[in-house]
Amino acid sequence: MGFKIGEVESIGDPAGWSEVPDDRVVRTPCITGVYVEDLGCADDGAVVQCSITVTLDDYEVLRGYRRNKTPVTVVNHYGEIVVDAKFKINKVSFVDGAPYRLVEIEIYK
């Protein structure tokens, strides 16, 4: 199964899949050392990072979502669904010899 953002489906599985949890530990320097405060881990603040390969037309659809700030439904390659997700395009690369784009994205749950 590929990876789907709105109506755009990736070619194959995403590469470099990682999740960055929203784990909040704050260190505050003090005169006597450091004060550490544990604010917990927010499940809904996690960020997913990956790269997907899409056609030129699908890349334009992704750009349209971003221009219009459109929340989308994301279905990852594990079949997990995130409704009304926001995403960010970090980088776009050409795929040599093919009419595709490699798009590095972040998805905010």
N, C-alpha and C. Protein backbone atom coordinates (compact mmCIF):
# COMPACT_ATOMS: atom_id res chain seq x y z
N MET A 1 0.85 -1.18 0.00
CA MET A 1 0.00 0.00 0.00
C MET A 1 0.88 1.23 0.00
N GLY A 2 0.49 2.25 -0.75
CA GLY A 2 1.23 3.50 -0.80
C GLY A 2 0.86 4.42 0.35
N PHE A 3 1.00 5.67 0.11
CA PHE A 3 0.76 6.71 1.10
C PHE A 3 -0.16 7.72 0.45
N LYS A 4 -1.20 8.15 1.12
CA LYS A 4 -2.19 9.01 0.49
C LYS A 4 -2.39 10.30 1.30
N ILE A 5 -2.31 11.44 0.59
CA ILE A 5 -2.60 12.75 1.17
C ILE A 5 -3.72 13.35 0.35
N GLY A 6 -4.90 13.45 0.95
CA GLY A 6 -6.06 13.91 0.18
C GLY A 6 -6.29 12.95 -0.96
N GLU A 7 -6.30 13.46 -2.19
CA GLU A 7 -6.50 12.63 -3.38
C GLU A 7 -5.19 12.17 -4.00
N VAL A 8 -4.06 12.56 -3.43
CA VAL A 8 -2.74 12.23 -3.99
C VAL A 8 -2.23 10.94 -3.37
N GLU A 9 -1.89 9.97 -4.22
CA GLU A 9 -1.31 8.71 -3.73
C GLU A 9 0.13 8.61 -4.20
N SER A 10 1.01 8.26 -3.27
CA SER A 10 2.43 8.15 -3.59
C SER A 10 2.70 6.93 -4.47
N ILE A 11 3.83 6.98 -5.13
CA ILE A 11 4.31 5.84 -5.89
C ILE A 11 5.20 5.05 -4.94
N GLY A 12 4.70 3.94 -4.46
CA GLY A 12 5.43 3.15 -3.48
C GLY A 12 5.28 3.70 -2.07
N ASP A 13 5.98 3.07 -1.15
CA ASP A 13 5.96 3.49 0.24
C ASP A 13 6.84 4.72 0.45
N PRO A 14 6.58 5.47 1.52
CA PRO A 14 7.44 6.62 1.82
C PRO A 14 8.83 6.17 2.26
N ALA A 15 9.80 7.04 2.09
CA ALA A 15 11.17 6.78 2.53
C ALA A 15 11.48 7.65 3.74
N GLY A 16 12.37 7.18 4.57
CA GLY A 16 12.82 7.97 5.71
C GLY A 16 11.73 8.26 6.73
N TRP A 17 10.82 7.31 6.92
CA TRP A 17 9.69 7.51 7.83
C TRP A 17 10.19 7.69 9.26
N SER A 18 9.79 8.78 9.90
CA SER A 18 10.13 8.96 11.32
C SER A 18 9.02 9.77 11.99
N GLU A 19 8.90 9.54 13.28
CA GLU A 19 7.93 10.29 14.08
C GLU A 19 8.69 11.02 15.18
N VAL A 20 8.40 12.30 15.34
CA VAL A 20 9.01 13.11 16.38
C VAL A 20 7.93 13.41 17.42
N PRO A 21 8.03 12.77 18.60
CA PRO A 21 7.00 13.00 19.61
C PRO A 21 7.09 14.40 20.19
N ASP A 22 5.98 14.89 20.69
CA ASP A 22 5.94 16.20 21.35
C ASP A 22 6.15 15.96 22.85
N ASP A 23 7.39 15.64 23.20
CA ASP A 23 7.76 15.33 24.58
C ASP A 23 8.35 16.59 25.20
N ARG A 24 7.67 17.11 26.18
CA ARG A 24 8.01 18.43 26.71
C ARG A 24 8.73 18.34 28.06
N VAL A 25 10.02 18.47 27.98
CA VAL A 25 10.85 18.60 29.17
C VAL A 25 11.62 19.91 29.00
N VAL A 26 11.49 20.81 29.96
CA VAL A 26 12.08 22.14 29.86
C VAL A 26 13.20 22.27 30.88
N ARG A 27 14.36 22.70 30.41
CA ARG A 27 15.50 22.96 31.29
C ARG A 27 15.65 24.46 31.44
N THR A 28 15.67 24.94 32.69
CA THR A 28 15.82 26.36 32.96
C THR A 28 17.08 26.57 33.80
N PRO A 29 18.08 27.31 33.27
CA PRO A 29 19.28 27.58 34.06
C PRO A 29 18.93 28.47 35.26
N CYS A 30 19.49 28.13 36.41
CA CYS A 30 19.29 28.89 37.64
C CYS A 30 20.65 29.24 38.24
N ILE A 31 20.66 30.09 39.21
CA ILE A 31 21.90 30.46 39.87
C ILE A 31 22.56 29.23 40.49
N THR A 32 21.77 28.35 41.03
CA THR A 32 22.30 27.17 41.72
C THR A 32 22.41 25.94 40.82
N GLY A 33 22.18 26.06 39.53
CA GLY A 33 22.26 24.91 38.62
C GLY A 33 21.20 24.96 37.55
N VAL A 34 20.47 23.88 37.41
CA VAL A 34 19.44 23.78 36.37
C VAL A 34 18.17 23.24 37.01
N TYR A 35 17.06 23.87 36.68
CA TYR A 35 15.74 23.39 37.11
C TYR A 35 15.12 22.67 35.92
N VAL A 36 14.71 21.42 36.11
CA VAL A 36 14.10 20.63 35.04
C VAL A 36 12.63 20.42 35.36
N GLU A 37 11.78 20.79 34.38
CA GLU A 37 10.33 20.63 34.55
C GLU A 37 9.81 19.67 33.49
N ASP A 38 9.10 18.65 33.92
CA ASP A 38 8.53 17.65 33.02
C ASP A 38 7.07 18.00 32.76
N LEU A 39 6.78 18.44 31.52
CA LEU A 39 5.43 18.83 31.14
C LEU A 39 4.68 17.71 30.42
N GLY A 40 5.29 16.54 30.33
CA GLY A 40 4.62 15.39 29.73
C GLY A 40 4.78 15.31 28.22
N CYS A 41 4.14 14.31 27.67
CA CYS A 41 4.20 14.06 26.23
C CYS A 41 2.79 14.20 25.66
N ALA A 42 2.63 15.12 24.70
CA ALA A 42 1.33 15.36 24.09
C ALA A 42 1.18 14.48 22.85
N ASP A 43 0.23 13.55 22.89
CA ASP A 43 0.03 12.63 21.76
C ASP A 43 -0.35 13.34 20.48
N ASP A 44 -1.14 14.40 20.59
CA ASP A 44 -1.61 15.07 19.38
C ASP A 44 -0.60 16.08 18.83
N GLY A 45 0.57 16.20 19.45
CA GLY A 45 1.56 17.15 18.97
C GLY A 45 2.69 16.51 18.19
N ALA A 46 2.59 15.20 17.92
CA ALA A 46 3.65 14.49 17.20
C ALA A 46 3.71 14.96 15.74
N VAL A 47 4.92 14.91 15.17
CA VAL A 47 5.14 15.28 13.78
C VAL A 47 5.74 14.08 13.06
N VAL A 48 5.18 13.74 11.90
CA VAL A 48 5.70 12.65 11.07
C VAL A 48 6.50 13.28 9.93
N GLN A 49 7.68 12.75 9.69
CA GLN A 49 8.54 13.23 8.60
C GLN A 49 8.82 12.07 7.65
N CYS A 50 8.74 12.34 6.33
CA CYS A 50 9.05 11.30 5.35
C CYS A 50 9.19 11.96 3.98
N SER A 51 9.60 11.16 3.01
CA SER A 51 9.68 11.58 1.61
C SER A 51 8.77 10.66 0.81
N ILE A 52 8.01 11.27 -0.11
CA ILE A 52 7.15 10.47 -0.98
C ILE A 52 7.45 10.83 -2.44
N THR A 53 7.26 9.85 -3.31
CA THR A 53 7.43 10.07 -4.74
C THR A 53 6.05 10.20 -5.36
N VAL A 54 5.86 11.29 -6.13
CA VAL A 54 4.56 11.54 -6.76
C VAL A 54 4.77 11.98 -8.21
N THR A 55 3.69 11.92 -9.00
CA THR A 55 3.74 12.41 -10.38
C THR A 55 3.75 13.93 -10.37
N LEU A 56 4.07 14.52 -11.51
CA LEU A 56 4.07 15.98 -11.63
C LEU A 56 2.69 16.56 -11.34
N ASP A 57 1.65 15.92 -11.86
CA ASP A 57 0.28 16.39 -11.62
C ASP A 57 -0.07 16.32 -10.14
N ASP A 58 0.30 15.22 -9.49
CA ASP A 58 0.01 15.10 -8.06
C ASP A 58 0.79 16.10 -7.23
N TYR A 59 2.00 16.42 -7.66
CA TYR A 59 2.77 17.45 -6.95
C TYR A 59 2.03 18.79 -7.01
N GLU A 60 1.46 19.10 -8.16
CA GLU A 60 0.69 20.36 -8.28
C GLU A 60 -0.53 20.34 -7.37
N VAL A 61 -1.16 19.18 -7.20
CA VAL A 61 -2.30 19.06 -6.28
C VAL A 61 -1.83 19.33 -4.86
N LEU A 62 -0.68 18.76 -4.46
CA LEU A 62 -0.13 19.02 -3.13
C LEU A 62 0.15 20.51 -2.92
N ARG A 63 0.72 21.15 -3.93
CA ARG A 63 0.98 22.59 -3.84
C ARG A 63 -0.32 23.38 -3.69
N GLY A 64 -1.37 22.93 -4.37
CA GLY A 64 -2.67 23.57 -4.24
C GLY A 64 -3.23 23.45 -2.83
N TYR A 65 -3.07 22.26 -2.24
CA TYR A 65 -3.50 22.08 -0.84
C TYR A 65 -2.78 23.08 0.06
N ARG A 66 -1.48 23.24 -0.16
CA ARG A 66 -0.70 24.15 0.69
C ARG A 66 -1.08 25.62 0.45
N ARG A 67 -1.24 25.99 -0.82
CA ARG A 67 -1.62 27.38 -1.12
C ARG A 67 -2.93 27.76 -0.44
N ASN A 68 -3.87 26.81 -0.42
CA ASN A 68 -5.20 27.06 0.14
C ASN A 68 -5.31 26.68 1.62
N LYS A 69 -4.21 26.17 2.19
CA LYS A 69 -4.19 25.73 3.59
C LYS A 69 -5.28 24.70 3.87
N THR A 70 -5.45 23.78 2.93
CA THR A 70 -6.51 22.78 3.00
C THR A 70 -6.14 21.64 3.94
N PRO A 71 -6.93 21.41 5.01
CA PRO A 71 -6.70 20.21 5.82
C PRO A 71 -7.09 18.99 5.00
N VAL A 72 -6.30 17.93 5.11
CA VAL A 72 -6.53 16.74 4.29
C VAL A 72 -6.59 15.49 5.16
N THR A 73 -7.13 14.43 4.59
CA THR A 73 -7.09 13.12 5.24
C THR A 73 -5.83 12.42 4.75
N VAL A 74 -5.05 11.92 5.70
CA VAL A 74 -3.82 11.21 5.38
C VAL A 74 -4.00 9.74 5.75
N VAL A 75 -3.68 8.86 4.81
CA VAL A 75 -3.67 7.42 5.07
C VAL A 75 -2.24 6.97 4.83
N ASN A 76 -1.57 6.53 5.91
CA ASN A 76 -0.18 6.14 5.74
C ASN A 76 -0.06 4.70 5.22
N HIS A 77 1.15 4.29 4.99
CA HIS A 77 1.40 2.97 4.40
C HIS A 77 1.11 1.83 5.36
N TYR A 78 0.78 2.14 6.60
CA TYR A 78 0.34 1.12 7.56
C TYR A 78 -1.18 1.06 7.65
N GLY A 79 -1.87 1.91 6.89
CA GLY A 79 -3.32 1.95 6.91
C GLY A 79 -3.91 2.83 7.99
N GLU A 80 -3.06 3.55 8.74
CA GLU A 80 -3.54 4.46 9.78
C GLU A 80 -4.07 5.73 9.13
N ILE A 81 -5.17 6.25 9.67
CA ILE A 81 -5.84 7.41 9.09
C ILE A 81 -5.77 8.59 10.05
N VAL A 82 -5.40 9.76 9.51
CA VAL A 82 -5.44 11.01 10.26
C VAL A 82 -6.35 11.95 9.48
N VAL A 83 -7.45 12.35 10.11
CA VAL A 83 -8.43 13.23 9.46
C VAL A 83 -8.09 14.68 9.76
N ASP A 84 -8.29 15.56 8.79
CA ASP A 84 -8.02 17.00 8.93
C ASP A 84 -6.59 17.29 9.35
N ALA A 85 -5.65 16.56 8.76
CA ALA A 85 -4.23 16.77 9.06
C ALA A 85 -3.71 17.98 8.29
N LYS A 86 -2.72 18.61 8.88
CA LYS A 86 -2.00 19.68 8.21
C LYS A 86 -0.63 19.13 7.83
N PHE A 87 -0.10 19.59 6.70
CA PHE A 87 1.22 19.12 6.30
C PHE A 87 2.02 20.28 5.73
N LYS A 88 3.32 20.07 5.66
CA LYS A 88 4.25 21.09 5.18
C LYS A 88 5.20 20.44 4.17
N ILE A 89 5.44 21.12 3.06
CA ILE A 89 6.40 20.64 2.08
C ILE A 89 7.75 21.27 2.42
N ASN A 90 8.74 20.43 2.75
CA ASN A 90 10.06 20.94 3.13
C ASN A 90 11.02 21.05 1.97
N LYS A 91 10.93 20.11 1.03
CA LYS A 91 11.89 20.08 -0.07
C LYS A 91 11.31 19.26 -1.21
N VAL A 92 11.63 19.66 -2.44
CA VAL A 92 11.18 18.93 -3.63
C VAL A 92 12.40 18.66 -4.50
N SER A 93 12.58 17.41 -4.91
CA SER A 93 13.70 17.02 -5.76
C SER A 93 13.17 16.37 -7.03
N PHE A 94 13.96 16.47 -8.10
CA PHE A 94 13.64 15.80 -9.35
C PHE A 94 14.09 14.34 -9.27
N VAL A 95 13.37 13.46 -9.90
CA VAL A 95 13.77 12.05 -10.02
C VAL A 95 14.38 11.90 -11.41
N ASP A 96 15.66 11.59 -11.48
CA ASP A 96 16.37 11.51 -12.76
C ASP A 96 15.73 10.50 -13.70
N GLY A 97 15.48 10.94 -14.93
CA GLY A 97 14.96 10.05 -15.96
C GLY A 97 13.49 9.70 -15.84
N ALA A 98 12.77 10.37 -14.93
CA ALA A 98 11.34 10.05 -14.75
C ALA A 98 10.56 11.34 -14.46
N PRO A 99 9.30 11.39 -14.87
CA PRO A 99 8.49 12.60 -14.64
C PRO A 99 7.87 12.61 -13.23
N TYR A 100 8.71 12.39 -12.22
CA TYR A 100 8.25 12.33 -10.84
C TYR A 100 8.97 13.37 -9.99
N ARG A 101 8.42 13.60 -8.81
CA ARG A 101 9.06 14.47 -7.83
C ARG A 101 9.18 13.71 -6.51
N LEU A 102 10.30 13.88 -5.84
CA LEU A 102 10.51 13.35 -4.50
C LEU A 102 10.23 14.51 -3.54
N VAL A 103 9.18 14.37 -2.74
CA VAL A 103 8.70 15.46 -1.90
C VAL A 103 8.94 15.11 -0.43
N GLU A 104 9.74 15.92 0.25
CA GLU A 104 9.95 15.75 1.68
C GLU A 104 8.87 16.53 2.41
N ILE A 105 8.14 15.85 3.29
CA ILE A 105 7.01 16.48 3.98
C ILE A 105 7.07 16.25 5.49
N GLU A 106 6.34 17.09 6.19
CA GLU A 106 6.05 16.91 7.60
C GLU A 106 4.54 16.92 7.74
N ILE A 107 4.02 15.99 8.54
CA ILE A 107 2.57 15.90 8.77
C ILE A 107 2.32 16.14 10.25
N TYR A 108 1.43 17.07 10.52
CA TYR A 108 1.09 17.42 11.90
C TYR A 108 -0.24 16.78 12.25
N LYS A 109 -0.25 15.97 13.29
CA LYS A 109 -1.46 15.26 13.67
C LYS A 109 -2.41 16.17 14.43
